[in-house]
Amino acid sequence: MAGRIRKMESTLEYPIFVLESKLTELQHKLNEIKEWNRIVAPHESNKAMADVRTDTTKLEEDIKNTKSAISVLHNHGAAKNSA
C-alpha cells in the first residue's frame, strides 16, 4: 500500500484522489443539511434558517470549486500524457 501511495504522490493521481475524497465528504455534509432542512427546519427560527442557508451556499460553492479543481487536474494529466 505504501508503494502505491508513493507512486500516486509522484503523479496527479494523489491530488485527484484527495480532492475526490473531499468532494465526497462535502456532498455528504450537504445531504445531511438538506435532510435537516426537510425534517427540522419548519420548527426553527428565522436566524437558524439563515445560518443553514449560508452553510448550504458555502458547501455548494466548495463542491463546485472542488469539481472544477478535479477537472483541471484531469485535463492537465491528459495534456501531460499526450505531450
PDB file of N, CA and C in Angstrom:
ATOM      1  N   MET A   1       0.822  -1.195   0.000  1.00  0.00           N
ATOM      2  CA  MET A   1       0.000   0.000   0.000  1.00  0.00           C
ATOM      3  C   MET A   1       0.866   1.260   0.000  1.00  0.00           C
ATOM      4  N   ALA A   2       1.923   1.271   0.815  1.00  0.00           N
ATOM      5  CA  ALA A   2       2.793   2.451   0.880  1.00  0.00           C
ATOM      6  C   ALA A   2       3.428   2.735  -0.475  1.00  0.00           C
ATOM      7  N   GLY A   3       3.810   1.665  -1.193  1.00  0.00           N
ATOM      8  CA  GLY A   3       4.386   1.843  -2.518  1.00  0.00           C
ATOM      9  C   GLY A   3       3.402   2.466  -3.479  1.00  0.00           C
ATOM     10  N   ARG A   4       2.145   2.040  -3.385  1.00  0.00           N
ATOM     11  CA  ARG A   4       1.109   2.592  -4.257  1.00  0.00           C
ATOM     12  C   ARG A   4       0.896   4.076  -3.955  1.00  0.00           C
ATOM     13  N   ILE A   5       0.901   4.421  -2.668  1.00  0.00           N
ATOM     14  CA  ILE A   5       0.722   5.825  -2.295  1.00  0.00           C
ATOM     15  C   ILE A   5       1.899   6.658  -2.791  1.00  0.00           C
ATOM     16  N   ARG A   6       3.114   6.147  -2.657  1.00  0.00           N
ATOM     17  CA  ARG A   6       4.280   6.888  -3.162  1.00  0.00           C
ATOM     18  C   ARG A   6       4.175   7.101  -4.669  1.00  0.00           C
ATOM     19  N   LYS A   7       3.717   6.066  -5.384  1.00  0.00           N
ATOM     20  CA  LYS A   7       3.558   6.195  -6.836  1.00  0.00           C
ATOM     21  C   LYS A   7       2.495   7.247  -7.149  1.00  0.00           C
ATOM     22  N   MET A   8       1.388   7.208  -6.405  1.00  0.00           N
ATOM     23  CA  MET A   8       0.330   8.184  -6.636  1.00  0.00           C
ATOM     24  C   MET A   8       0.818   9.597  -6.345  1.00  0.00           C
ATOM     25  N   GLU A   9       1.630   9.764  -5.298  1.00  0.00           N
ATOM     26  CA  GLU A   9       2.126  11.091  -4.950  1.00  0.00           C
ATOM     27  C   GLU A   9       3.006  11.671  -6.045  1.00  0.00           C
ATOM     28  N   SER A  10       3.664  10.818  -6.803  1.00  0.00           N
ATOM     29  CA  SER A  10       4.557  11.314  -7.851  1.00  0.00           C
ATOM     30  C   SER A  10       3.799  11.680  -9.123  1.00  0.00           C
ATOM     31  N   THR A  11       2.532  11.416  -9.161  1.00  0.00           N
ATOM     32  CA  THR A  11       1.710  11.762 -10.319  1.00  0.00           C
ATOM     33  C   THR A  11       0.567  12.655  -9.864  1.00  0.00           C
ATOM     34  N   LEU A  12      -0.334  12.927 -10.765  1.00  0.00           N
ATOM     35  CA  LEU A  12      -1.505  13.722 -10.405  1.00  0.00           C
ATOM     36  C   LEU A  12      -2.590  12.885  -9.742  1.00  0.00           C
ATOM     37  N   GLU A  13      -2.413  11.563  -9.710  1.00  0.00           N
ATOM     38  CA  GLU A  13      -3.437  10.714  -9.110  1.00  0.00           C
ATOM     39  C   GLU A  13      -3.683  11.076  -7.651  1.00  0.00           C
ATOM     40  N   TYR A  14      -2.612  11.371  -6.911  1.00  0.00           N
ATOM     41  CA  TYR A  14      -2.768  11.632  -5.483  1.00  0.00           C
ATOM     42  C   TYR A  14      -3.611  12.879  -5.215  1.00  0.00           C
ATOM     43  N   PRO A  15      -3.303  14.043  -5.847  1.00  0.00           N
ATOM     44  CA  PRO A  15      -4.154  15.203  -5.587  1.00  0.00           C
ATOM     45  C   PRO A  15      -5.595  14.983  -6.045  1.00  0.00           C
ATOM     46  N   ILE A  16      -5.779  14.254  -7.125  1.00  0.00           N
ATOM     47  CA  ILE A  16      -7.135  13.955  -7.586  1.00  0.00           C
ATOM     48  C   ILE A  16      -7.843  13.087  -6.561  1.00  0.00           C
ATOM     49  N   PHE A  17      -7.143  12.080  -6.034  1.00  0.00           N
ATOM     50  CA  PHE A  17      -7.704  11.199  -5.012  1.00  0.00           C
ATOM     51  C   PHE A  17      -8.123  12.004  -3.783  1.00  0.00           C
ATOM     52  N   VAL A  18      -7.261  12.913  -3.347  1.00  0.00           N
ATOM     53  CA  VAL A  18      -7.559  13.735  -2.169  1.00  0.00           C
ATOM     54  C   VAL A  18      -8.775  14.620  -2.436  1.00  0.00           C
ATOM     55  N   LEU A  19      -8.818  15.245  -3.603  1.00  0.00           N
ATOM     56  CA  LEU A  19      -9.950  16.108  -3.937  1.00  0.00           C
ATOM     57  C   LEU A  19     -11.246  15.321  -4.070  1.00  0.00           C
ATOM     58  N   GLU A  20     -11.180  14.129  -4.648  1.00  0.00           N
ATOM     59  CA  GLU A  20     -12.385  13.307  -4.763  1.00  0.00           C
ATOM     60  C   GLU A  20     -12.881  12.883  -3.385  1.00  0.00           C
ATOM     61  N   SER A  21     -11.963  12.613  -2.468  1.00  0.00           N
ATOM     62  CA  SER A  21     -12.353  12.283  -1.093  1.00  0.00           C
ATOM     63  C   SER A  21     -13.021  13.484  -0.429  1.00  0.00           C
ATOM     64  N   LYS A  22     -12.445  14.667  -0.646  1.00  0.00           N
ATOM     65  CA  LYS A  22     -13.026  15.890  -0.093  1.00  0.00           C
ATOM     66  C   LYS A  22     -14.406  16.130  -0.693  1.00  0.00           C
ATOM     67  N   LEU A  23     -14.538  15.904  -1.992  1.00  0.00           N
ATOM     68  CA  LEU A  23     -15.813  16.097  -2.667  1.00  0.00           C
ATOM     69  C   LEU A  23     -16.885  15.193  -2.065  1.00  0.00           C
ATOM     70  N   THR A  24     -16.541  13.940  -1.836  1.00  0.00           N
ATOM     71  CA  THR A  24     -17.488  13.001  -1.227  1.00  0.00           C
ATOM     72  C   THR A  24     -17.914  13.492   0.150  1.00  0.00           C
ATOM     73  N   GLU A  25     -16.956  13.973   0.928  1.00  0.00           N
ATOM     74  CA  GLU A  25     -17.253  14.477   2.272  1.00  0.00           C
ATOM     75  C   GLU A  25     -18.169  15.700   2.209  1.00  0.00           C
ATOM     76  N   LEU A  26     -17.883  16.622   1.304  1.00  0.00           N
ATOM     77  CA  LEU A  26     -18.711  17.821   1.158  1.00  0.00           C
ATOM     78  C   LEU A  26     -20.131  17.470   0.731  1.00  0.00           C
ATOM     79  N   GLN A  27     -20.248  16.538  -0.213  1.00  0.00           N
ATOM     80  CA  GLN A  27     -21.579  16.135  -0.673  1.00  0.00           C
ATOM     81  C   GLN A  27     -22.362  15.469   0.453  1.00  0.00           C
ATOM     82  N   HIS A  28     -21.675  14.693   1.279  1.00  0.00           N
ATOM     83  CA  HIS A  28     -22.325  14.046   2.419  1.00  0.00           C
ATOM     84  C   HIS A  28     -22.841  15.101   3.404  1.00  0.00           C
ATOM     85  N   LYS A  29     -22.020  16.104   3.702  1.00  0.00           N
ATOM     86  CA  LYS A  29     -22.436  17.174   4.612  1.00  0.00           C
ATOM     87  C   LYS A  29     -23.632  17.930   4.048  1.00  0.00           C
ATOM     88  N   LEU A  30     -23.598  18.215   2.746  1.00  0.00           N
ATOM     89  CA  LEU A  30     -24.702  18.925   2.112  1.00  0.00           C
ATOM     90  C   LEU A  30     -25.983  18.106   2.203  1.00  0.00           C
ATOM     91  N   ASN A  31     -25.893  16.811   1.968  1.00  0.00           N
ATOM     92  CA  ASN A  31     -27.070  15.947   2.080  1.00  0.00           C
ATOM     93  C   ASN A  31     -27.609  15.927   3.504  1.00  0.00           C
ATOM     94  N   GLU A  32     -26.723  15.940   4.502  1.00  0.00           N
ATOM     95  CA  GLU A  32     -27.166  15.979   5.897  1.00  0.00           C
ATOM     96  C   GLU A  32     -27.923  17.270   6.188  1.00  0.00           C
ATOM     97  N   ILE A  33     -27.409  18.391   5.677  1.00  0.00           N
ATOM     98  CA  ILE A  33     -28.081  19.670   5.896  1.00  0.00           C
ATOM     99  C   ILE A  33     -29.436  19.687   5.199  1.00  0.00           C
ATOM    100  N   LYS A  34     -29.497  19.164   3.995  1.00  0.00           N
ATOM    101  CA  LYS A  34     -30.775  19.120   3.276  1.00  0.00           C
ATOM    102  C   LYS A  34     -31.786  18.251   4.021  1.00  0.00           C
ATOM    103  N   GLU A  35     -31.325  17.141   4.580  1.00  0.00           N
ATOM    104  CA  GLU A  35     -32.214  16.276   5.362  1.00  0.00           C
ATOM    105  C   GLU A  35     -32.682  17.016   6.612  1.00  0.00           C
ATOM    106  N   TRP A  36     -31.774  17.721   7.272  1.00  0.00           N
ATOM    107  CA  TRP A  36     -32.131  18.510   8.448  1.00  0.00           C
ATOM    108  C   TRP A  36     -33.178  19.550   8.058  1.00  0.00           C
ATOM    109  N   ASN A  37     -32.970  20.209   6.914  1.00  0.00           N
ATOM    110  CA  ASN A  37     -33.937  21.201   6.429  1.00  0.00           C
ATOM    111  C   ASN A  37     -35.320  20.597   6.270  1.00  0.00           C
ATOM    112  N   ARG A  38     -35.351  19.411   5.725  1.00  0.00           N
ATOM    113  CA  ARG A  38     -36.631  18.757   5.458  1.00  0.00           C
ATOM    114  C   ARG A  38     -37.362  18.405   6.753  1.00  0.00           C
ATOM    115  N   ILE A  39     -36.627  17.931   7.752  1.00  0.00           N
ATOM    116  CA  ILE A  39     -37.253  17.425   8.970  1.00  0.00           C
ATOM    117  C   ILE A  39     -37.411  18.501  10.043  1.00  0.00           C
ATOM    118  N   VAL A  40     -36.354  19.242  10.315  1.00  0.00           N
ATOM    119  CA  VAL A  40     -36.319  20.135  11.466  1.00  0.00           C
ATOM    120  C   VAL A  40     -36.642  21.578  11.115  1.00  0.00           C
ATOM    121  N   ALA A  41     -36.307  22.000   9.940  1.00  0.00           N
ATOM    122  CA  ALA A  41     -36.403  23.409   9.560  1.00  0.00           C
ATOM    123  C   ALA A  41     -37.750  24.065   9.848  1.00  0.00           C
ATOM    124  N   PRO A  42     -38.865  23.400   9.612  1.00  0.00           N
ATOM    125  CA  PRO A  42     -40.139  24.082   9.870  1.00  0.00           C
ATOM    126  C   PRO A  42     -40.311  24.542  11.325  1.00  0.00           C
ATOM    127  N   HIS A  43     -39.527  23.986  12.234  1.00  0.00           N
ATOM    128  CA  HIS A  43     -39.661  24.310  13.650  1.00  0.00           C
ATOM    129  C   HIS A  43     -38.562  25.250  14.146  1.00  0.00           C
ATOM    130  N   GLU A  44     -37.708  25.707  13.261  1.00  0.00           N
ATOM    131  CA  GLU A  44     -36.568  26.544  13.647  1.00  0.00           C
ATOM    132  C   GLU A  44     -36.859  28.024  13.420  1.00  0.00           C
ATOM    133  N   SER A  45     -36.065  28.867  14.062  1.00  0.00           N
ATOM    134  CA  SER A  45     -36.205  30.316  13.937  1.00  0.00           C
ATOM    135  C   SER A  45     -35.662  30.796  12.591  1.00  0.00           C
ATOM    136  N   ASN A  46     -36.005  32.031  12.263  1.00  0.00           N
ATOM    137  CA  ASN A  46     -35.504  32.626  11.015  1.00  0.00           C
ATOM    138  C   ASN A  46     -33.989  32.736  11.031  1.00  0.00           C
ATOM    139  N   LYS A  47     -33.409  33.058  12.190  1.00  0.00           N
ATOM    140  CA  LYS A  47     -31.945  33.168  12.313  1.00  0.00           C
ATOM    141  C   LYS A  47     -31.290  31.826  12.025  1.00  0.00           C
ATOM    142  N   ALA A  48     -31.826  30.766  12.602  1.00  0.00           N
ATOM    143  CA  ALA A  48     -31.262  29.431  12.366  1.00  0.00           C
ATOM    144  C   ALA A  48     -31.365  29.066  10.895  1.00  0.00           C
ATOM    145  N   MET A  49     -32.462  29.399  10.272  1.00  0.00           N
ATOM    146  CA  MET A  49     -32.644  29.076   8.859  1.00  0.00           C
ATOM    147  C   MET A  49     -31.693  29.893   7.984  1.00  0.00           C
ATOM    148  N   ALA A  50     -31.450  31.142   8.350  1.00  0.00           N
ATOM    149  CA  ALA A  50     -30.495  31.960   7.596  1.00  0.00           C
ATOM    150  C   ALA A  50     -29.096  31.361   7.703  1.00  0.00           C
ATOM    151  N   ASP A  51     -28.742  30.881   8.895  1.00  0.00           N
ATOM    152  CA  ASP A  51     -27.439  30.229   9.079  1.00  0.00           C
ATOM    153  C   ASP A  51     -27.329  28.979   8.223  1.00  0.00           C
ATOM    154  N   VAL A  52     -28.405  28.211   8.155  1.00  0.00           N
ATOM    155  CA  VAL A  52     -28.406  26.983   7.356  1.00  0.00           C
ATOM    156  C   VAL A  52     -28.268  27.319   5.875  1.00  0.00           C
ATOM    157  N   ARG A  53     -28.972  28.344   5.423  1.00  0.00           N
ATOM    158  CA  ARG A  53     -28.854  28.754   4.016  1.00  0.00           C
ATOM    159  C   ARG A  53     -27.426  29.188   3.697  1.00  0.00           C
ATOM    160  N   THR A  54     -26.803  29.907   4.626  1.00  0.00           N
ATOM    161  CA  THR A  54     -25.408  30.322   4.435  1.00  0.00           C
ATOM    162  C   THR A  54     -24.499  29.109   4.350  1.00  0.00           C
ATOM    163  N   ASP A  55     -24.684  28.157   5.269  1.00  0.00           N
ATOM    164  CA  ASP A  55     -23.879  26.930   5.257  1.00  0.00           C
ATOM    165  C   ASP A  55     -24.083  26.155   3.962  1.00  0.00           C
ATOM    166  N   THR A  56     -25.326  26.047   3.530  1.00  0.00           N
ATOM    167  CA  THR A  56     -25.649  25.313   2.311  1.00  0.00           C
ATOM    168  C   THR A  56     -24.998  25.975   1.099  1.00  0.00           C
ATOM    169  N   THR A  57     -25.095  27.286   1.026  1.00  0.00           N
ATOM    170  CA  THR A  57     -24.492  28.019  -0.089  1.00  0.00           C
ATOM    171  C   THR A  57     -22.982  27.827  -0.113  1.00  0.00           C
ATOM    172  N   LYS A  58     -22.343  27.895   1.055  1.00  0.00           N
ATOM    173  CA  LYS A  58     -20.894  27.707   1.126  1.00  0.00           C
ATOM    174  C   LYS A  58     -20.514  26.288   0.699  1.00  0.00           C
ATOM    175  N   LEU A  59     -21.253  25.292   1.162  1.00  0.00           N
ATOM    176  CA  LEU A  59     -20.961  23.913   0.767  1.00  0.00           C
ATOM    177  C   LEU A  59     -21.134  23.722  -0.733  1.00  0.00           C
ATOM    178  N   GLU A  60     -22.200  24.279  -1.295  1.00  0.00           N
ATOM    179  CA  GLU A  60     -22.419  24.157  -2.733  1.00  0.00           C
ATOM    180  C   GLU A  60     -21.283  24.815  -3.516  1.00  0.00           C
ATOM    181  N   GLU A  61     -20.797  25.951  -3.031  1.00  0.00           N
ATOM    182  CA  GLU A  61     -19.665  26.631  -3.681  1.00  0.00           C
ATOM    183  C   GLU A  61     -18.394  25.791  -3.551  1.00  0.00           C
ATOM    184  N   ASP A  62     -18.163  25.214  -2.368  1.00  0.00           N
ATOM    185  CA  ASP A  62     -16.996  24.342  -2.169  1.00  0.00           C
ATOM    186  C   ASP A  62     -17.055  23.125  -3.088  1.00  0.00           C
ATOM    187  N   ILE A  63     -18.241  22.553  -3.244  1.00  0.00           N
ATOM    188  CA  ILE A  63     -18.413  21.393  -4.125  1.00  0.00           C
ATOM    189  C   ILE A  63     -18.103  21.786  -5.567  1.00  0.00           C
ATOM    190  N   LYS A  64     -18.634  22.931  -5.992  1.00  0.00           N
ATOM    191  CA  LYS A  64     -18.384  23.409  -7.359  1.00  0.00           C
ATOM    192  C   LYS A  64     -16.890  23.634  -7.590  1.00  0.00           C
ATOM    193  N   ASN A  65     -16.220  24.273  -6.630  1.00  0.00           N
ATOM    194  CA  ASN A  65     -14.783  24.546  -6.767  1.00  0.00           C
ATOM    195  C   ASN A  65     -13.959  23.261  -6.754  1.00  0.00           C
ATOM    196  N   THR A  66     -14.358  22.305  -5.934  1.00  0.00           N
ATOM    197  CA  THR A  66     -13.636  21.034  -5.868  1.00  0.00           C
ATOM    198  C   THR A  66     -13.787  20.271  -7.177  1.00  0.00           C
ATOM    199  N   LYS A  67     -15.000  20.245  -7.725  1.00  0.00           N
ATOM    200  CA  LYS A  67     -15.211  19.588  -9.017  1.00  0.00           C
ATOM    201  C   LYS A  67     -14.380  20.260 -10.105  1.00  0.00           C
ATOM    202  N   SER A  68     -14.304  21.578 -10.055  1.00  0.00           N
ATOM    203  CA  SER A  68     -13.508  22.320 -11.033  1.00  0.00           C
ATOM    204  C   SER A  68     -12.028  21.969 -10.907  1.00  0.00           C
ATOM    205  N   ALA A  69     -11.534  21.885  -9.676  1.00  0.00           N
ATOM    206  CA  ALA A  69     -10.122  21.539  -9.457  1.00  0.00           C
ATOM    207  C   ALA A  69      -9.819  20.133  -9.960  1.00  0.00           C
ATOM    208  N   ILE A  70     -10.732  19.201  -9.719  1.00  0.00           N
ATOM    209  CA  ILE A  70     -10.549  17.828 -10.206  1.00  0.00           C
ATOM    210  C   ILE A  70     -10.494  17.825 -11.729  1.00  0.00           C
ATOM    211  N   SER A  71     -11.389  18.580 -12.348  1.00  0.00           N
ATOM    212  CA  SER A  71     -11.420  18.660 -13.807  1.00  0.00           C
ATOM    213  C   SER A  71     -10.119  19.237 -14.358  1.00  0.00           C
ATOM    214  N   VAL A  72      -9.620  20.284 -13.723  1.00  0.00           N
ATOM    215  CA  VAL A  72      -8.359  20.895 -14.167  1.00  0.00           C
ATOM    216  C   VAL A  72      -7.224  19.884 -14.069  1.00  0.00           C
ATOM    217  N   LEU A  73      -7.157  19.152 -12.951  1.00  0.00           N
ATOM    218  CA  LEU A  73      -6.092  18.161 -12.786  1.00  0.00           C
ATOM    219  C   LEU A  73      -6.210  17.038 -13.815  1.00  0.00           C
ATOM    220  N   HIS A  74      -7.443  16.589 -14.067  1.00  0.00           N
ATOM    221  CA  HIS A  74      -7.631  15.558 -15.094  1.00  0.00           C
ATOM    222  C   HIS A  74      -7.167  16.073 -16.457  1.00  0.00           C
ATOM    223  N   ASN A  75      -7.553  17.300 -16.792  1.00  0.00           N
ATOM    224  CA  ASN A  75      -7.157  17.878 -18.081  1.00  0.00           C
ATOM    225  C   ASN A  75      -5.651  18.075 -18.159  1.00  0.00           C
ATOM    226  N   HIS A  76      -5.036  18.504 -17.072  1.00  0.00           N
ATOM    227  CA  HIS A  76      -3.581  18.689 -17.042  1.00  0.00           C
ATOM    228  C   HIS A  76      -2.878  17.348 -17.230  1.00  0.00           C
ATOM    229  N   GLY A  77      -3.398  16.320 -16.556  1.00  0.00           N
ATOM    230  CA  GLY A  77      -2.818  14.980 -16.689  1.00  0.00           C
ATOM    231  C   GLY A  77      -2.953  14.448 -18.099  1.00  0.00           C
ATOM    232  N   ALA A  78      -4.105  14.694 -18.727  1.00  0.00           N
ATOM    233  CA  ALA A  78      -4.317  14.234 -20.098  1.00  0.00           C
ATOM    234  C   ALA A  78      -3.379  14.967 -21.051  1.00  0.00           C
ATOM    235  N   ALA A  79      -3.210  16.270 -20.840  1.00  0.00           N
ATOM    236  CA  ALA A  79      -2.307  17.045 -21.701  1.00  0.00           C
ATOM    237  C   ALA A  79      -0.861  16.607 -21.492  1.00  0.00           C
ATOM    238  N   LYS A  80      -0.507  16.343 -20.244  1.00  0.00           N
ATOM    239  CA  LYS A  80       0.861  15.918 -19.929  1.00  0.00           C
ATOM    240  C   LYS A  80       1.155  14.548 -20.552  1.00  0.00           C
ATOM    241  N   ASN A  81       0.171  13.653 -20.502  1.00  0.00           N
ATOM    242  CA  ASN A  81       0.353  12.312 -21.060  1.00  0.00           C
ATOM    243  C   ASN A  81       0.420  12.321 -22.581  1.00  0.00           C
ATOM    244  N   SER A  82      -0.238  13.286 -23.220  1.00  0.00           N
ATOM    245  CA  SER A  82      -0.227  13.321 -24.681  1.00  0.00           C
ATOM    246  C   SER A  82       1.000  14.050 -25.225  1.00  0.00           C
ATOM    247  N   ALA A  83       1.699  14.753 -24.347  1.00  0.00           N
ATOM    248  CA  ALA A  83       2.881  15.512 -24.799  1.00  0.00           C
ATOM    249  C   ALA A  83       4.091  14.630 -24.959  1.00  0.00           C
TER     250      ALA A  83
END
